[in-house]
């Protein structure tokens, strides 16, 4: 597996960056691009994926020359094998001379009189190949992996280009991600928010138990240290998981529950107290704590 680069879309040095200025000299092949989709959980743990892509291989009949077997490319008569020609143009400022790629040989310095019937003079045959891609733990959506030497073949003996695989991470139904930090929302009951108590929280490592403090308000955010995404730079470092607790208000209550809540209102001074308020006050809290 090649090196990982974060936001890959600065393509200035990626495509054609290593090519020689000499058009008939060795030139690195062009880079290829592909994409692979993985799940959120696979991004957490890392995964091996297999890509099925088209790759150019050297034609075995002409050995990459493009010429019919038994023949060879000939030196271009127009440029003398240099691959460059000097063009002269008359302008109002005088005679202008400029050098450019030879139009007859395309800058290769060689011309093919009889093309290879198998590759039609290209020198390459396209084949379907399976490529293994090692995706590391912690990779983010849109980041890419460079696999060296799996791109287009080089020209005039140059090295092959690279294969750039963009990783697309599917969204998770519970978790959101920002760099190495994970966010989620967990509902808790009114009783648990008021009295406190244990709850189960889902993380990328499985469920963990958390003790809710009495009097917890809705939208309270808690931190689960080290339960976030692994760092690409250091697999031993992990981010945190922040959980927002949302207090659920019950929509359907039976008469006993409604009565208990009315008593609760009275104890909070929200409604006028009934005659037997003091007697029921103690009973209310005893029921609530069961």
C-alpha atoms as a PDB file:
ATOM      1  CA  UNK A   1       0.000   0.000   0.000  1.00  0.00           C
ATOM      2  CA  UNK A   2       1.259   3.414  -0.853  1.00  0.00           C
ATOM      3  CA  UNK A   3       1.156   6.534   1.258  1.00  0.00           C
ATOM      4  CA  UNK A   4      -2.062   8.170   2.379  1.00  0.00           C
ATOM      5  CA  UNK A   5      -2.711  11.793   1.585  1.00  0.00           C
ATOM      6  CA  UNK A   6      -5.474  13.738   3.283  1.00  0.00           C
ATOM      7  CA  UNK A   7      -7.521  15.953   0.964  1.00  0.00           C
ATOM      8  CA  UNK A   8      -6.265  14.502  -2.298  1.00  0.00           C
ATOM      9  CA  UNK A   9      -7.715  17.118  -4.528  1.00  0.00           C
ATOM     10  CA  UNK A  10      -4.570  19.218  -4.937  1.00  0.00           C
ATOM     11  CA  UNK A  11      -3.743  17.363  -8.100  1.00  0.00           C
ATOM     12  CA  UNK A  12      -0.917  19.593  -9.278  1.00  0.00           C
ATOM     13  CA  UNK A  13       1.853  17.091  -8.606  1.00  0.00           C
ATOM     14  CA  UNK A  14      -0.278  13.980  -8.953  1.00  0.00           C
ATOM     15  CA  UNK A  15      -0.996  13.873 -12.652  1.00  0.00           C
ATOM     16  CA  UNK A  16       2.031  13.979 -14.900  1.00  0.00           C
ATOM     17  CA  UNK A  17       4.218  15.455 -12.163  1.00  0.00           C
ATOM     18  CA  UNK A  18       7.251  13.295 -12.831  1.00  0.00           C
ATOM     19  CA  UNK A  19       7.490  13.553 -16.610  1.00  0.00           C
ATOM     20  CA  UNK A  20      10.676  14.511 -18.359  1.00  0.00           C
ATOM     21  CA  UNK A  21      10.884  17.674 -20.441  1.00  0.00           C
ATOM     22  CA  UNK A  22      12.423  15.641 -23.262  1.00  0.00           C
ATOM     23  CA  UNK A  23       9.473  14.372 -25.268  1.00  0.00           C
ATOM     24  CA  UNK A  24      11.413  11.371 -26.595  1.00  0.00           C
ATOM     25  CA  UNK A  25      13.041  10.568 -23.247  1.00  0.00           C
ATOM     26  CA  UNK A  26      11.682   8.295 -20.486  1.00  0.00           C
ATOM     27  CA  UNK A  27       8.380   9.573 -19.106  1.00  0.00           C
ATOM     28  CA  UNK A  28       6.412   8.328 -16.113  1.00  0.00           C
ATOM     29  CA  UNK A  29       3.009   6.924 -17.016  1.00  0.00           C
ATOM     30  CA  UNK A  30      -0.181   8.755 -16.138  1.00  0.00           C
ATOM     31  CA  UNK A  31      -1.890   8.110 -12.817  1.00  0.00           C
ATOM     32  CA  UNK A  32      -5.185   6.248 -12.708  1.00  0.00           C
ATOM     33  CA  UNK A  33      -8.101   6.966 -10.405  1.00  0.00           C
ATOM     34  CA  UNK A  34     -10.605   4.610  -8.820  1.00  0.00           C
ATOM     35  CA  UNK A  35     -12.952   4.638  -5.836  1.00  0.00           C
ATOM     36  CA  UNK A  36     -14.030   2.133  -3.209  1.00  0.00           C
ATOM     37  CA  UNK A  37     -16.956   2.289  -0.776  1.00  0.00           C
ATOM     38  CA  UNK A  38     -16.628   1.102   2.826  1.00  0.00           C
ATOM     39  CA  UNK A  39     -18.859   1.153   5.898  1.00  0.00           C
ATOM     40  CA  UNK A  40     -18.409   3.444   8.899  1.00  0.00           C
ATOM     41  CA  UNK A  41     -17.352   0.454  11.008  1.00  0.00           C
ATOM     42  CA  UNK A  42     -14.752  -0.565   8.403  1.00  0.00           C
ATOM     43  CA  UNK A  43     -13.321   2.959   8.578  1.00  0.00           C
ATOM     44  CA  UNK A  44     -12.939   2.507  12.345  1.00  0.00           C
ATOM     45  CA  UNK A  45     -11.146  -0.833  12.180  1.00  0.00           C
ATOM     46  CA  UNK A  46      -9.488  -0.793   8.748  1.00  0.00           C
ATOM     47  CA  UNK A  47     -10.246  -3.280   5.990  1.00  0.00           C
ATOM     48  CA  UNK A  48      -8.856  -5.055   2.920  1.00  0.00           C
ATOM     49  CA  UNK A  49     -10.736  -4.438  -0.336  1.00  0.00           C
ATOM     50  CA  UNK A  50     -10.315  -5.856  -3.822  1.00  0.00           C
ATOM     51  CA  UNK A  51     -10.663  -3.609  -6.868  1.00  0.00           C
ATOM     52  CA  UNK A  52     -11.439  -4.886 -10.351  1.00  0.00           C
ATOM     53  CA  UNK A  53      -9.998  -2.371 -12.831  1.00  0.00           C
ATOM     54  CA  UNK A  54      -8.684  -2.096 -16.390  1.00  0.00           C
ATOM     55  CA  UNK A  55      -4.893  -1.851 -16.632  1.00  0.00           C
ATOM     56  CA  UNK A  56      -2.661  -1.522 -19.674  1.00  0.00           C
ATOM     57  CA  UNK A  57       0.012  -4.185 -20.064  1.00  0.00           C
ATOM     58  CA  UNK A  58       2.801  -4.365 -22.608  1.00  0.00           C
ATOM     59  CA  UNK A  59       1.745  -6.175 -25.774  1.00  0.00           C
ATOM     60  CA  UNK A  60       3.492  -9.551 -25.780  1.00  0.00           C
ATOM     61  CA  UNK A  61       3.567  -9.695 -29.602  1.00  0.00           C
ATOM     62  CA  UNK A  62       5.470  -6.459 -30.234  1.00  0.00           C
ATOM     63  CA  UNK A  63       6.942  -6.106 -26.706  1.00  0.00           C
ATOM     64  CA  UNK A  64       5.571  -2.597 -26.441  1.00  0.00           C
ATOM     65  CA  UNK A  65       7.103  -1.216 -29.641  1.00  0.00           C
ATOM     66  CA  UNK A  66       3.777  -0.997 -31.486  1.00  0.00           C
ATOM     67  CA  UNK A  67       5.440  -2.339 -34.639  1.00  0.00           C
ATOM     68  CA  UNK A  68       4.419  -5.509 -36.459  1.00  0.00           C
ATOM     69  CA  UNK A  69       6.443  -8.526 -35.217  1.00  0.00           C
ATOM     70  CA  UNK A  70       9.573  -8.855 -37.356  1.00  0.00           C
ATOM     71  CA  UNK A  71       9.761  -5.089 -37.905  1.00  0.00           C
ATOM     72  CA  UNK A  72      10.943  -2.189 -35.778  1.00  0.00           C
ATOM     73  CA  UNK A  73      10.015   1.465 -35.385  1.00  0.00           C
ATOM     74  CA  UNK A  74      12.149   3.666 -37.627  1.00  0.00           C
ATOM     75  CA  UNK A  75      13.818   6.964 -36.896  1.00  0.00           C
ATOM     76  CA  UNK A  76      11.477   9.814 -37.747  1.00  0.00           C
ATOM     77  CA  UNK A  77      12.787  11.500 -40.923  1.00  0.00           C
ATOM     78  CA  UNK A  78      11.226  14.857 -40.048  1.00  0.00           C
ATOM     79  CA  UNK A  79      12.924  15.395 -36.660  1.00  0.00           C
ATOM     80  CA  UNK A  80      15.849  13.005 -37.088  1.00  0.00           C
ATOM     81  CA  UNK A  81      14.868  11.124 -33.949  1.00  0.00           C
ATOM     82  CA  UNK A  82      14.934  14.171 -31.661  1.00  0.00           C
ATOM     83  CA  UNK A  83      11.177  14.267 -31.222  1.00  0.00           C
ATOM     84  CA  UNK A  84      11.293  18.067 -31.496  1.00  0.00           C
ATOM     85  CA  UNK A  85      11.189  20.390 -34.475  1.00  0.00           C
ATOM     86  CA  UNK A  86      11.885  24.092 -34.842  1.00  0.00           C
ATOM     87  CA  UNK A  87       9.049  26.061 -36.411  1.00  0.00           C
ATOM     88  CA  UNK A  88       9.681  29.395 -38.130  1.00  0.00           C
ATOM     89  CA  UNK A  89       6.983  32.039 -38.406  1.00  0.00           C
ATOM     90  CA  UNK A  90       7.044  35.492 -39.956  1.00  0.00           C
ATOM     91  CA  UNK A  91       5.455  38.203 -37.811  1.00  0.00           C
ATOM     92  CA  UNK A  92       5.323  41.986 -37.843  1.00  0.00           C
ATOM     93  CA  UNK A  93       8.246  41.883 -35.421  1.00  0.00           C
ATOM     94  CA  UNK A  94      10.339  39.698 -37.681  1.00  0.00           C
ATOM     95  CA  UNK A  95      11.070  35.998 -37.859  1.00  0.00           C
ATOM     96  CA  UNK A  96       9.990  34.033 -34.787  1.00  0.00           C
ATOM     97  CA  UNK A  97      11.373  30.577 -34.080  1.00  0.00           C
ATOM     98  CA  UNK A  98       9.861  28.117 -31.618  1.00  0.00           C
ATOM     99  CA  UNK A  99      10.495  24.482 -30.728  1.00  0.00           C
ATOM    100  CA  UNK A 100       7.652  22.013 -30.399  1.00  0.00           C
ATOM    101  CA  UNK A 101       6.889  18.294 -30.497  1.00  0.00           C
ATOM    102  CA  UNK A 102       7.335  16.741 -33.914  1.00  0.00           C
ATOM    103  CA  UNK A 103       3.909  16.433 -35.578  1.00  0.00           C
ATOM    104  CA  UNK A 104       4.906  13.296 -37.518  1.00  0.00           C
ATOM    105  CA  UNK A 105       6.088  11.109 -34.624  1.00  0.00           C
ATOM    106  CA  UNK A 106       4.225  12.813 -31.786  1.00  0.00           C
ATOM    107  CA  UNK A 107       7.495  13.641 -30.034  1.00  0.00           C
ATOM    108  CA  UNK A 108       8.663  10.014 -29.839  1.00  0.00           C
ATOM    109  CA  UNK A 109      11.456  10.289 -32.397  1.00  0.00           C
ATOM    110  CA  UNK A 110      10.278   7.041 -33.992  1.00  0.00           C
ATOM    111  CA  UNK A 111       7.616   6.220 -36.565  1.00  0.00           C
ATOM    112  CA  UNK A 112       5.877   2.911 -37.151  1.00  0.00           C
ATOM    113  CA  UNK A 113       5.491   1.902 -40.790  1.00  0.00           C
ATOM    114  CA  UNK A 114       3.678  -1.381 -40.078  1.00  0.00           C
ATOM    115  CA  UNK A 115       1.550  -1.482 -36.921  1.00  0.00           C
ATOM    116  CA  UNK A 116       1.232  -4.525 -34.679  1.00  0.00           C
ATOM    117  CA  UNK A 117      -2.102  -6.213 -35.540  1.00  0.00           C
ATOM    118  CA  UNK A 118      -2.740  -7.197 -31.921  1.00  0.00           C
ATOM    119  CA  UNK A 119      -2.395  -3.804 -30.226  1.00  0.00           C
ATOM    120  CA  UNK A 120      -2.982  -1.679 -33.348  1.00  0.00           C
ATOM    121  CA  UNK A 121       0.311   0.122 -32.869  1.00  0.00           C
ATOM    122  CA  UNK A 122      -0.311   1.288 -29.297  1.00  0.00           C
ATOM    123  CA  UNK A 123       2.171  -1.177 -27.770  1.00  0.00           C
ATOM    124  CA  UNK A 124      -0.302  -2.049 -24.998  1.00  0.00           C
ATOM    125  CA  UNK A 125      -3.154  -4.449 -24.322  1.00  0.00           C
ATOM    126  CA  UNK A 126      -5.875  -3.579 -21.829  1.00  0.00           C
ATOM    127  CA  UNK A 127      -6.678  -6.284 -19.287  1.00  0.00           C
ATOM    128  CA  UNK A 128      -8.969  -6.608 -16.290  1.00  0.00           C
ATOM    129  CA  UNK A 129      -6.912  -6.908 -13.108  1.00  0.00           C
ATOM    130  CA  UNK A 130      -7.713  -7.415  -9.430  1.00  0.00           C
ATOM    131  CA  UNK A 131      -5.868  -5.040  -7.097  1.00  0.00           C
ATOM    132  CA  UNK A 132      -5.739  -5.454  -3.311  1.00  0.00           C
ATOM    133  CA  UNK A 133      -6.177  -2.231  -1.353  1.00  0.00           C
ATOM    134  CA  UNK A 134      -5.280  -2.028   2.339  1.00  0.00           C
ATOM    135  CA  UNK A 135      -7.454   0.657   3.925  1.00  0.00           C
ATOM    136  CA  UNK A 136      -6.093   1.753   7.319  1.00  0.00           C
ATOM    137  CA  UNK A 137      -8.167   2.348  10.435  1.00  0.00           C
ATOM    138  CA  UNK A 138      -9.227   5.972  10.812  1.00  0.00           C
ATOM    139  CA  UNK A 139      -9.476   6.895   7.140  1.00  0.00           C
ATOM    140  CA  UNK A 140     -12.046   9.601   6.436  1.00  0.00           C
ATOM    141  CA  UNK A 141     -14.541  10.064   3.634  1.00  0.00           C
ATOM    142  CA  UNK A 142     -12.889  11.540   0.521  1.00  0.00           C
ATOM    143  CA  UNK A 143      -9.332  10.660   1.494  1.00  0.00           C
ATOM    144  CA  UNK A 144      -7.309   8.567  -0.931  1.00  0.00           C
ATOM    145  CA  UNK A 145      -4.702   5.852  -0.990  1.00  0.00           C
ATOM    146  CA  UNK A 146      -1.812   5.877  -3.441  1.00  0.00           C
ATOM    147  CA  UNK A 147      -0.749   2.481  -4.803  1.00  0.00           C
ATOM    148  CA  UNK A 148       2.554   2.965  -6.558  1.00  0.00           C
ATOM    149  CA  UNK A 149       3.240   1.409  -9.945  1.00  0.00           C
ATOM    150  CA  UNK A 150      -0.376   0.458 -10.707  1.00  0.00           C
ATOM    151  CA  UNK A 151      -1.157   3.295 -13.112  1.00  0.00           C
ATOM    152  CA  UNK A 152      -0.555   3.709 -16.847  1.00  0.00           C
ATOM    153  CA  UNK A 153       2.655   2.236 -18.332  1.00  0.00           C
ATOM    154  CA  UNK A 154       5.586   4.594 -18.736  1.00  0.00           C
ATOM    155  CA  UNK A 155       6.693   5.949 -22.098  1.00  0.00           C
ATOM    156  CA  UNK A 156      10.103   5.247 -23.621  1.00  0.00           C
ATOM    157  CA  UNK A 157      11.131   3.089 -20.690  1.00  0.00           C
ATOM    158  CA  UNK A 158       9.672   5.336 -17.990  1.00  0.00           C
ATOM    159  CA  UNK A 159       8.102   4.030 -14.769  1.00  0.00           C
ATOM    160  CA  UNK A 160       4.433   3.206 -14.455  1.00  0.00           C
ATOM    161  CA  UNK A 161       2.180   5.808 -12.896  1.00  0.00           C
ATOM    162  CA  UNK A 162       0.271   5.299  -9.652  1.00  0.00           C
ATOM    163  CA  UNK A 163      -3.259   4.221  -8.808  1.00  0.00           C
ATOM    164  CA  UNK A 164      -5.143   6.711  -6.637  1.00  0.00           C
ATOM    165  CA  UNK A 165      -8.049   5.109  -4.789  1.00  0.00           C
ATOM    166  CA  UNK A 166     -10.590   7.488  -3.259  1.00  0.00           C
ATOM    167  CA  UNK A 167     -12.347   6.049  -0.199  1.00  0.00           C
ATOM    168  CA  UNK A 168     -16.068   6.718   0.181  1.00  0.00           C
ATOM    169  CA  UNK A 169     -17.313   6.076   3.731  1.00  0.00           C
ATOM    170  CA  UNK A 170     -21.032   5.337   4.084  1.00  0.00           C
ATOM    171  CA  UNK A 171     -22.983   7.309   6.684  1.00  0.00           C
ATOM    172  CA  UNK A 172     -23.828   5.646   9.995  1.00  0.00           C
ATOM    173  CA  UNK A 173     -27.411   5.746  11.329  1.00  0.00           C
ATOM    174  CA  UNK A 174     -26.255   6.725  14.850  1.00  0.00           C
ATOM    175  CA  UNK A 175     -22.814   8.312  14.617  1.00  0.00           C
ATOM    176  CA  UNK A 176     -21.493  11.502  13.038  1.00  0.00           C
ATOM    177  CA  UNK A 177     -17.801  12.168  12.613  1.00  0.00           C
ATOM    178  CA  UNK A 178     -15.500  15.181  12.633  1.00  0.00           C
ATOM    179  CA  UNK A 179     -11.846  14.212  12.180  1.00  0.00           C
ATOM    180  CA  UNK A 180     -11.231  11.703  15.016  1.00  0.00           C
ATOM    181  CA  UNK A 181     -14.223  12.820  17.112  1.00  0.00           C
ATOM    182  CA  UNK A 182     -17.529  10.947  17.042  1.00  0.00           C
ATOM    183  CA  UNK A 183     -20.898  12.456  18.008  1.00  0.00           C
ATOM    184  CA  UNK A 184     -24.203  10.790  18.837  1.00  0.00           C
ATOM    185  CA  UNK A 185     -27.496  11.485  20.607  1.00  0.00           C
ATOM    186  CA  UNK A 186     -29.006   9.228  23.284  1.00  0.00           C
ATOM    187  CA  UNK A 187     -32.550   9.591  24.687  1.00  0.00           C
ATOM    188  CA  UNK A 188     -33.099   9.173  28.448  1.00  0.00           C
ATOM    189  CA  UNK A 189     -36.318   8.994  30.421  1.00  0.00           C
ATOM    190  CA  UNK A 190     -37.662  11.827  32.561  1.00  0.00           C
ATOM    191  CA  UNK A 191     -37.260   9.668  35.656  1.00  0.00           C
ATOM    192  CA  UNK A 192     -33.614   8.844  34.883  1.00  0.00           C
ATOM    193  CA  UNK A 193     -32.854  12.504  34.179  1.00  0.00           C
ATOM    194  CA  UNK A 194     -34.442  13.504  37.491  1.00  0.00           C
ATOM    195  CA  UNK A 195     -33.179  10.769  39.795  1.00  0.00           C
ATOM    196  CA  UNK A 196     -30.066   9.654  37.932  1.00  0.00           C
ATOM    197  CA  UNK A 197     -29.145   6.081  37.142  1.00  0.00           C
ATOM    198  CA  UNK A 198     -27.298   3.817  34.705  1.00  0.00           C
ATOM    199  CA  UNK A 199     -27.885   3.837  30.935  1.00  0.00           C
ATOM    200  CA  UNK A 200     -26.365   1.881  28.034  1.00  0.00           C
ATOM    201  CA  UNK A 201     -24.639   3.877  25.281  1.00  0.00           C
ATOM    202  CA  UNK A 202     -23.677   2.454  21.889  1.00  0.00           C
ATOM    203  CA  UNK A 203     -20.120   3.208  20.714  1.00  0.00           C
ATOM    204  CA  UNK A 204     -17.991   1.959  17.816  1.00  0.00           C
ATOM    205  CA  UNK A 205     -16.513  -0.566  20.277  1.00  0.00           C
ATOM    206  CA  UNK A 206     -19.885  -1.826  21.505  1.00  0.00           C
ATOM    207  CA  UNK A 207     -22.134  -0.756  24.374  1.00  0.00           C
ATOM    208  CA  UNK A 208     -20.779   0.921  27.504  1.00  0.00           C
ATOM    209  CA  UNK A 209     -22.541   1.761  30.770  1.00  0.00           C
ATOM    210  CA  UNK A 210     -22.768   5.361  31.939  1.00  0.00           C
ATOM    211  CA  UNK A 211     -24.134   6.696  35.235  1.00  0.00           C
ATOM    212  CA  UNK A 212     -26.456   9.652  34.634  1.00  0.00           C
ATOM    213  CA  UNK A 213     -26.246  12.299  37.340  1.00  0.00           C
ATOM    214  CA  UNK A 214     -29.462  13.327  39.152  1.00  0.00           C
ATOM    215  CA  UNK A 215     -30.983  16.505  37.714  1.00  0.00           C
ATOM    216  CA  UNK A 216     -29.474  16.054  34.237  1.00  0.00           C
ATOM    217  CA  UNK A 217     -30.944  18.563  31.778  1.00  0.00           C
ATOM    218  CA  UNK A 218     -31.817  17.838  28.161  1.00  0.00           C
ATOM    219  CA  UNK A 219     -28.981  18.497  25.650  1.00  0.00           C
ATOM    220  CA  UNK A 220     -26.361  17.762  28.305  1.00  0.00           C
ATOM    221  CA  UNK A 221     -23.181  16.620  26.531  1.00  0.00           C
ATOM    222  CA  UNK A 222     -20.949  13.938  28.021  1.00  0.00           C
ATOM    223  CA  UNK A 223     -17.525  12.771  26.900  1.00  0.00           C
ATOM    224  CA  UNK A 224     -16.427   9.161  26.433  1.00  0.00           C
ATOM    225  CA  UNK A 225     -12.646   9.469  26.315  1.00  0.00           C
ATOM    226  CA  UNK A 226     -10.834   7.345  23.750  1.00  0.00           C
ATOM    227  CA  UNK A 227     -14.019   6.030  22.143  1.00  0.00           C
ATOM    228  CA  UNK A 228     -13.651   7.996  18.898  1.00  0.00           C
ATOM    229  CA  UNK A 229     -11.853   7.255  15.621  1.00  0.00           C
ATOM    230  CA  UNK A 230      -8.225   6.093  15.451  1.00  0.00           C
ATOM    231  CA  UNK A 231      -5.665   8.617  14.227  1.00  0.00           C
ATOM    232  CA  UNK A 232      -4.170   7.951  10.795  1.00  0.00           C
ATOM    233  CA  UNK A 233      -0.818   9.279  11.978  1.00  0.00           C
ATOM    234  CA  UNK A 234      -0.685   7.142  15.127  1.00  0.00           C
ATOM    235  CA  UNK A 235      -2.881   4.049  15.455  1.00  0.00           C
ATOM    236  CA  UNK A 236      -2.390   4.102  19.247  1.00  0.00           C
ATOM    237  CA  UNK A 237      -4.154   7.467  19.531  1.00  0.00           C
ATOM    238  CA  UNK A 238      -7.941   7.701  19.388  1.00  0.00           C
ATOM    239  CA  UNK A 239     -10.343  10.601  19.521  1.00  0.00           C
ATOM    240  CA  UNK A 240     -13.291  10.968  21.891  1.00  0.00           C
ATOM    241  CA  UNK A 241     -16.989  10.232  21.599  1.00  0.00           C
ATOM    242  CA  UNK A 242     -19.349  13.036  22.643  1.00  0.00           C
ATOM    243  CA  UNK A 243     -22.902  12.028  23.541  1.00  0.00           C
ATOM    244  CA  UNK A 244     -25.809  14.472  23.796  1.00  0.00           C
ATOM    245  CA  UNK A 245     -28.432  13.319  26.313  1.00  0.00           C
ATOM    246  CA  UNK A 246     -31.991  14.227  25.331  1.00  0.00           C
ATOM    247  CA  UNK A 247     -34.722  13.935  27.962  1.00  0.00           C
ATOM    248  CA  UNK A 248     -37.796  12.225  26.545  1.00  0.00           C
ATOM    249  CA  UNK A 249     -41.172  13.581  27.619  1.00  0.00           C
ATOM    250  CA  UNK A 250     -43.747  10.760  27.874  1.00  0.00           C
ATOM    251  CA  UNK A 251     -46.652  11.159  25.451  1.00  0.00           C
ATOM    252  CA  UNK A 252     -49.038   8.555  26.879  1.00  0.00           C
ATOM    253  CA  UNK A 253     -49.677   8.261  30.619  1.00  0.00           C
ATOM    254  CA  UNK A 254     -52.126   6.176  32.617  1.00  0.00           C
ATOM    255  CA  UNK A 255     -54.192   7.723  35.414  1.00  0.00           C
ATOM    256  CA  UNK A 256     -51.777   6.661  38.153  1.00  0.00           C
ATOM    257  CA  UNK A 257     -48.867   8.289  36.326  1.00  0.00           C
ATOM    258  CA  UNK A 258     -50.858  11.470  35.679  1.00  0.00           C
ATOM    259  CA  UNK A 259     -51.802  11.645  39.355  1.00  0.00           C
ATOM    260  CA  UNK A 260     -48.170  11.232  40.365  1.00  0.00           C
ATOM    261  CA  UNK A 261     -47.120  14.064  38.041  1.00  0.00           C
ATOM    262  CA  UNK A 262     -49.859  16.349  39.372  1.00  0.00           C
ATOM    263  CA  UNK A 263     -48.516  15.746  42.876  1.00  0.00           C
ATOM    264  CA  UNK A 264     -45.076  16.527  41.541  1.00  0.00           C
ATOM    265  CA  UNK A 265     -46.393  19.834  40.175  1.00  0.00           C
ATOM    266  CA  UNK A 266     -47.810  20.691  43.575  1.00  0.00           C
ATOM    267  CA  UNK A 267     -44.549  19.923  45.351  1.00  0.00           C
ATOM    268  CA  UNK A 268     -42.809  22.266  42.909  1.00  0.00           C
ATOM    269  CA  UNK A 269     -45.332  25.022  43.636  1.00  0.00           C
ATOM    270  CA  UNK A 270     -46.615  25.099  40.057  1.00  0.00           C
ATOM    271  CA  UNK A 271     -50.312  24.638  40.999  1.00  0.00           C
ATOM    272  CA  UNK A 272     -52.401  25.394  44.133  1.00  0.00           C
ATOM    273  CA  UNK A 273     -51.907  22.713  46.785  1.00  0.00           C
ATOM    274  CA  UNK A 274     -54.782  20.319  47.496  1.00  0.00           C
ATOM    275  CA  UNK A 275     -56.074  19.621  50.990  1.00  0.00           C
ATOM    276  CA  UNK A 276     -54.315  16.307  51.318  1.00  0.00           C
ATOM    277  CA  UNK A 277     -51.136  17.655  49.676  1.00  0.00           C
ATOM    278  CA  UNK A 278     -48.865  17.121  52.654  1.00  0.00           C
ATOM    279  CA  UNK A 279     -50.048  13.531  53.115  1.00  0.00           C
ATOM    280  CA  UNK A 280     -49.583  12.629  49.427  1.00  0.00           C
ATOM    281  CA  UNK A 281     -46.262  14.444  49.078  1.00  0.00           C
ATOM    282  CA  UNK A 282     -44.368  11.782  50.984  1.00  0.00           C
ATOM    283  CA  UNK A 283     -46.215   8.986  49.143  1.00  0.00           C
ATOM    284  CA  UNK A 284     -45.317  10.513  45.775  1.00  0.00           C
ATOM    285  CA  UNK A 285     -41.575  10.498  46.350  1.00  0.00           C
ATOM    286  CA  UNK A 286     -41.677   6.968  47.715  1.00  0.00           C
ATOM    287  CA  UNK A 287     -43.385   5.732  44.518  1.00  0.00           C
ATOM    288  CA  UNK A 288     -40.937   7.597  42.315  1.00  0.00           C
ATOM    289  CA  UNK A 289     -37.915   6.004  43.945  1.00  0.00           C
ATOM    290  CA  UNK A 290     -39.122   2.427  43.600  1.00  0.00           C
END
